[in-house]
Amino acid sequence: MEGLSDRDQAVLRSIMDPTATLGDLTDDSDHFPEDNAPASDGDRLSAELCARGAALAEGGRLGEALALMGEGVAAAPARPDAYNDRAQVLRLMMRDTEALSDIERALSLTAGSRCRARALALCQRGLLRRKAGAEAEARADFVEAADLGSAFAKKQAVELNPYAALCNQMLSQVLRGDKEIKL
């Protein structure tokens, strides 16, 4: 979509994403306050280990990735990003209970902060809650993460809003040219 004006990109997004809200049509990027760079040697080592673990996870080497993420947590036990990263790998391994434990630790470490790590932990917990069928709790997590600046969470919160979902369903049917609107 390079070379297109912002308006043209918004029109394309509105066509391609029936769940998009008006706010989504003009901007689909995250907006987090600037997080501080890793402050201590332990934080820097943790960030490096987690980055290497993420690369391994992307290559499908989840066991090795999990081991590196564990080292990242051990190097900086007060760094919430390390718990988020390890939770992501645990989710990929279908170890949701362990992932939730790491997510809760990240949320505990970020209580009262408006930061990227908290928003990511809320998104992960929201996804796990949605998977478990706890849609009201999932929506609450996504709403809080959206308030922190997560564009992904904003879309998830809209999808879980029953009124917005009904409106989107009807609008999609109208745009497809359906003669009869089915609810």
Protein backbone atom coordinates (compact mmCIF):
# COMPACT_ATOMS: atom_id res chain seq x y z
CA MET A 1 0.00 0.00 0.00
CA GLU A 2 3.01 2.23 -0.39
CA GLY A 3 2.40 5.31 -2.47
CA LEU A 4 -1.26 5.56 -1.44
CA SER A 5 -2.58 8.55 0.46
CA ASP A 6 -3.77 8.13 4.04
CA ARG A 7 -7.36 8.47 2.81
CA ASP A 8 -6.87 5.75 0.15
CA GLN A 9 -5.33 3.43 2.74
CA ALA A 10 -8.29 4.06 5.08
CA VAL A 11 -10.75 3.22 2.29
CA LEU A 12 -8.91 -0.03 1.53
CA ARG A 13 -8.83 -0.97 5.22
CA SER A 14 -12.57 -0.32 5.51
CA ILE A 15 -13.22 -2.69 2.60
CA MET A 16 -10.83 -5.42 3.75
CA ASP A 17 -11.67 -5.34 7.48
CA PRO A 18 -15.40 -5.35 8.24
CA THR A 19 -14.66 -5.13 11.98
CA ALA A 20 -12.73 -1.87 11.61
CA THR A 21 -14.02 1.10 13.56
CA LEU A 22 -13.72 4.66 12.32
CA GLY A 23 -10.66 5.14 14.52
CA ASP A 24 -9.05 2.04 13.02
CA LEU A 25 -9.50 3.32 9.49
CA THR A 26 -7.02 6.12 9.90
CA ASP A 27 -4.48 4.49 12.19
CA ASP A 28 -3.78 0.83 12.92
CA SER A 29 -0.52 1.13 14.81
CA ASP A 30 0.13 0.80 18.52
CA HIS A 31 0.64 3.95 20.56
CA PHE A 32 2.55 3.23 23.73
CA PRO A 33 4.38 5.73 25.88
CA GLU A 34 8.09 5.31 25.35
CA ASP A 35 9.33 2.48 27.53
CA ASN A 36 12.69 2.91 29.11
CA ALA A 37 15.61 1.01 27.65
CA PRO A 38 16.91 -1.82 29.83
CA ALA A 39 18.57 -0.08 32.78
CA SER A 40 20.84 -2.68 34.35
CA ASP A 41 23.25 -5.26 33.03
CA GLY A 42 20.74 -7.93 34.05
CA ASP A 43 17.99 -6.18 32.07
CA ARG A 44 20.22 -5.93 29.00
CA LEU A 45 21.23 -9.60 29.27
CA SER A 46 17.58 -10.57 29.73
CA ALA A 47 16.53 -8.58 26.65
CA GLU A 48 19.30 -10.20 24.59
CA LEU A 49 18.41 -13.73 25.75
CA CYS A 50 14.72 -13.15 25.06
CA ALA A 51 15.46 -11.77 21.59
CA ARG A 52 17.52 -14.87 20.80
CA GLY A 53 14.71 -17.03 22.20
CA ALA A 54 12.15 -15.24 20.02
CA ALA A 55 14.27 -15.95 16.94
CA LEU A 56 14.40 -19.63 17.89
CA ALA A 57 10.63 -19.69 18.44
CA GLU A 58 10.05 -18.15 15.02
CA GLY A 59 12.13 -21.01 13.60
CA GLY A 60 9.96 -23.57 15.38
CA ARG A 61 12.58 -24.48 17.99
CA LEU A 62 10.24 -23.95 20.92
CA GLY A 63 12.05 -26.06 23.51
CA GLU A 64 15.31 -24.18 22.98
CA ALA A 65 13.41 -20.88 22.90
CA LEU A 66 11.75 -21.67 26.22
CA ALA A 67 15.11 -22.46 27.80
CA LEU A 68 16.54 -19.10 26.67
CA MET A 69 13.43 -17.28 27.87
CA GLY A 70 13.85 -18.96 31.25
CA GLU A 71 17.42 -17.67 31.37
CA GLY A 72 16.08 -14.23 30.44
CA VAL A 73 13.65 -14.31 33.37
CA ALA A 74 16.42 -15.48 35.73
CA ALA A 75 18.75 -12.68 34.56
CA ALA A 76 16.16 -10.00 35.41
CA PRO A 77 13.30 -11.33 37.55
CA ALA A 78 11.74 -7.86 37.83
CA ARG A 79 11.60 -7.34 34.02
CA PRO A 80 7.98 -7.86 32.89
CA ASP A 81 8.93 -8.19 29.20
CA ALA A 82 10.79 -11.42 29.97
CA TYR A 83 7.65 -12.96 31.47
CA ASN A 84 5.60 -11.80 28.46
CA ASP A 85 8.11 -13.34 26.08
CA ARG A 86 8.21 -16.65 27.93
CA ALA A 87 4.40 -16.69 28.13
CA GLN A 88 4.23 -16.30 24.35
CA VAL A 89 6.41 -19.38 23.86
CA LEU A 90 4.42 -21.32 26.44
CA ARG A 91 1.21 -20.44 24.58
CA LEU A 92 2.76 -21.70 21.34
CA MET A 93 3.55 -24.94 23.18
CA MET A 94 -0.12 -25.14 24.33
CA ARG A 95 0.96 -24.81 27.96
CA ASP A 96 -1.67 -22.22 28.79
CA THR A 97 -1.66 -22.64 32.59
CA GLU A 98 2.07 -21.92 32.77
CA ALA A 99 1.67 -19.06 30.31
CA LEU A 100 -1.06 -17.54 32.46
CA SER A 101 1.23 -17.69 35.48
CA ASP A 102 3.90 -15.69 33.63
CA ILE A 103 1.28 -13.25 32.34
CA GLU A 104 -0.02 -12.67 35.87
CA ARG A 105 3.56 -12.03 37.03
CA ALA A 106 4.06 -9.46 34.24
CA LEU A 107 0.79 -7.78 35.24
CA SER A 108 1.86 -7.74 38.88
CA LEU A 109 5.18 -6.11 37.96
CA THR A 110 3.44 -3.46 35.85
CA ALA A 111 0.56 -2.68 38.22
CA GLY A 112 -0.22 1.02 38.07
CA SER A 113 1.94 1.63 34.97
CA ARG A 114 0.92 2.65 31.49
CA CYS A 115 3.46 0.71 29.49
CA ARG A 116 3.82 -1.60 26.52
CA ALA A 117 4.63 -4.63 28.71
CA ARG A 118 1.33 -4.26 30.58
CA ALA A 119 -0.66 -3.90 27.36
CA LEU A 120 0.97 -7.01 25.88
CA ALA A 121 0.30 -9.03 29.03
CA LEU A 122 -3.34 -7.91 29.00
CA CYS A 123 -3.63 -8.93 25.34
CA GLN A 124 -2.17 -12.36 26.05
CA ARG A 125 -4.46 -12.87 29.04
CA GLY A 126 -7.41 -11.66 26.97
CA LEU A 127 -6.61 -14.23 24.27
CA LEU A 128 -6.37 -17.02 26.84
CA ARG A 129 -9.62 -15.95 28.46
CA ARG A 130 -11.34 -15.75 25.07
CA LYS A 131 -10.05 -19.24 24.24
CA ALA A 132 -11.53 -20.48 27.54
CA GLY A 133 -14.90 -18.90 26.72
CA ALA A 134 -14.66 -16.13 29.34
CA GLU A 135 -15.58 -13.41 26.86
CA ALA A 136 -16.58 -10.72 29.40
CA GLU A 137 -13.24 -11.02 31.18
CA ALA A 138 -11.38 -11.14 27.87
CA ARG A 139 -13.14 -7.99 26.71
CA ALA A 140 -12.19 -6.21 29.96
CA ASP A 141 -8.53 -7.10 29.35
CA PHE A 142 -8.70 -5.89 25.74
CA VAL A 143 -10.42 -2.64 26.74
CA GLU A 144 -7.68 -1.90 29.30
CA ALA A 145 -4.93 -2.79 26.79
CA ALA A 146 -6.60 -0.60 24.16
CA ASP A 147 -6.64 2.26 26.66
CA LEU A 148 -2.89 1.74 27.04
CA GLY A 149 -2.40 2.08 23.27
CA SER A 150 -2.77 -1.39 21.72
CA ALA A 151 -4.43 -1.30 18.29
CA PHE A 152 -4.79 -5.12 18.37
CA ALA A 153 -6.65 -4.92 21.69
CA LYS A 154 -8.93 -2.23 20.31
CA LYS A 155 -10.00 -4.54 17.47
CA GLN A 156 -10.49 -7.46 19.84
CA ALA A 157 -12.62 -5.36 22.19
CA VAL A 158 -14.85 -4.32 19.29
CA GLU A 159 -15.19 -7.94 18.13
CA LEU A 160 -16.27 -8.96 21.63
CA ASN A 161 -18.81 -6.13 21.91
CA PRO A 162 -22.10 -7.84 21.02
CA TYR A 163 -23.69 -4.63 19.70
CA ALA A 164 -20.72 -3.77 17.50
CA ALA A 165 -20.58 -7.36 16.24
CA LEU A 166 -24.26 -7.23 15.29
CA CYS A 167 -23.81 -3.88 13.51
CA ASN A 168 -20.74 -5.19 11.67
CA GLN A 169 -22.64 -8.33 10.65
CA MET A 170 -25.53 -6.30 9.25
CA LEU A 171 -23.21 -3.85 7.49
CA SER A 172 -21.28 -6.73 5.91
CA GLN A 173 -24.53 -8.20 4.61
CA VAL A 174 -25.58 -4.84 3.14
CA LEU A 175 -22.17 -4.33 1.51
CA ARG A 176 -22.35 -7.82 -0.02
CA GLY A 177 -25.71 -6.90 -1.50
CA ASP A 178 -27.75 -9.42 0.47
CA LYS A 179 -31.47 -8.89 -0.13
CA GLU A 180 -32.44 -10.09 3.33
CA ILE A 181 -30.56 -9.16 6.51
CA LYS A 182 -30.14 -12.17 8.79
CA LEU A 183 -29.45 -11.66 12.48
